[in-house]
Amino acid sequence: MRLIKLKEVIQKTSLGRSTIYEFMIKGTFPKQVSLGAKSVAWLESEVDDWIMERLGERDI
């Protein structure tokens, strides 16, 4: 299990910061994990799963 910071999430998904947070609010993107004062991260496996779901949708 690996936690990744926003910079890496942006790099992996090619999404902008505001889009990531907008998707989170809509419930369509993995939620962040609080690491303490003003520090958050995401589970890399959840972000990878989200990417794979998007790839699966293109084949429909």
Protein backbone atom coordinates (compact mmCIF):
# COMPACT_ATOMS: atom_id res chain seq x y z
CA MET A 1 0.00 0.00 0.00
CA ARG A 2 1.47 3.33 -1.07
CA LEU A 3 0.24 6.87 -0.50
CA ILE A 4 0.82 9.48 -3.17
CA LYS A 5 0.63 13.25 -2.96
CA LEU A 6 -1.38 15.54 -5.22
CA LYS A 7 1.53 16.22 -7.58
CA GLU A 8 1.80 12.52 -8.42
CA VAL A 9 -2.00 12.12 -8.70
CA ILE A 10 -1.99 14.95 -11.24
CA GLN A 11 0.87 13.32 -13.12
CA LYS A 12 -0.79 9.86 -13.16
CA THR A 13 -4.25 11.09 -14.22
CA SER A 14 -3.35 14.11 -16.39
CA LEU A 15 -6.09 15.99 -14.53
CA GLY A 16 -5.75 19.41 -12.97
CA ARG A 17 -6.02 20.04 -9.24
CA SER A 18 -9.46 21.64 -9.42
CA THR A 19 -10.82 18.82 -11.60
CA ILE A 20 -9.60 16.21 -9.13
CA TYR A 21 -11.33 17.99 -6.24
CA GLU A 22 -14.48 18.53 -8.33
CA PHE A 23 -14.62 14.79 -9.11
CA MET A 24 -14.11 14.02 -5.41
CA ILE A 25 -17.06 16.25 -4.47
CA LYS A 26 -19.20 14.43 -7.06
CA GLY A 27 -18.06 11.10 -5.63
CA THR A 28 -16.45 9.96 -8.88
CA PHE A 29 -12.81 10.05 -7.73
CA PRO A 30 -11.10 8.38 -4.76
CA LYS A 31 -11.16 10.37 -1.55
CA GLN A 32 -7.99 11.70 0.00
CA VAL A 33 -6.49 10.47 3.25
CA SER A 34 -5.63 13.07 5.87
CA LEU A 35 -2.02 12.81 7.04
CA GLY A 36 -2.23 15.62 9.56
CA ALA A 37 -2.14 19.39 9.51
CA LYS A 38 -2.68 20.51 5.91
CA SER A 39 -1.30 17.29 4.44
CA VAL A 40 -3.29 14.80 2.39
CA ALA A 41 -2.54 11.91 0.07
CA TRP A 42 -4.34 9.25 -1.96
CA LEU A 43 -3.99 5.50 -2.00
CA GLU A 44 -2.11 4.78 -5.20
CA SER A 45 -4.09 1.57 -5.74
CA GLU A 46 -7.40 3.48 -5.66
CA VAL A 47 -6.12 6.03 -8.18
CA ASP A 48 -4.85 3.20 -10.40
CA ASP A 49 -8.25 1.46 -10.15
CA TRP A 50 -9.97 4.73 -11.13
CA ILE A 51 -7.72 5.00 -14.20
CA MET A 52 -8.47 1.39 -15.19
CA GLU A 53 -12.22 2.08 -14.90
CA ARG A 54 -11.84 4.99 -17.30
CA LEU A 55 -9.97 2.75 -19.75
CA GLY A 56 -12.72 0.13 -19.48
CA GLU A 57 -15.37 2.74 -20.32
CA ARG A 58 -13.73 3.64 -23.62
CA ASP A 59 -14.26 0.09 -24.90
CA ILE A 60 -18.03 0.18 -24.30
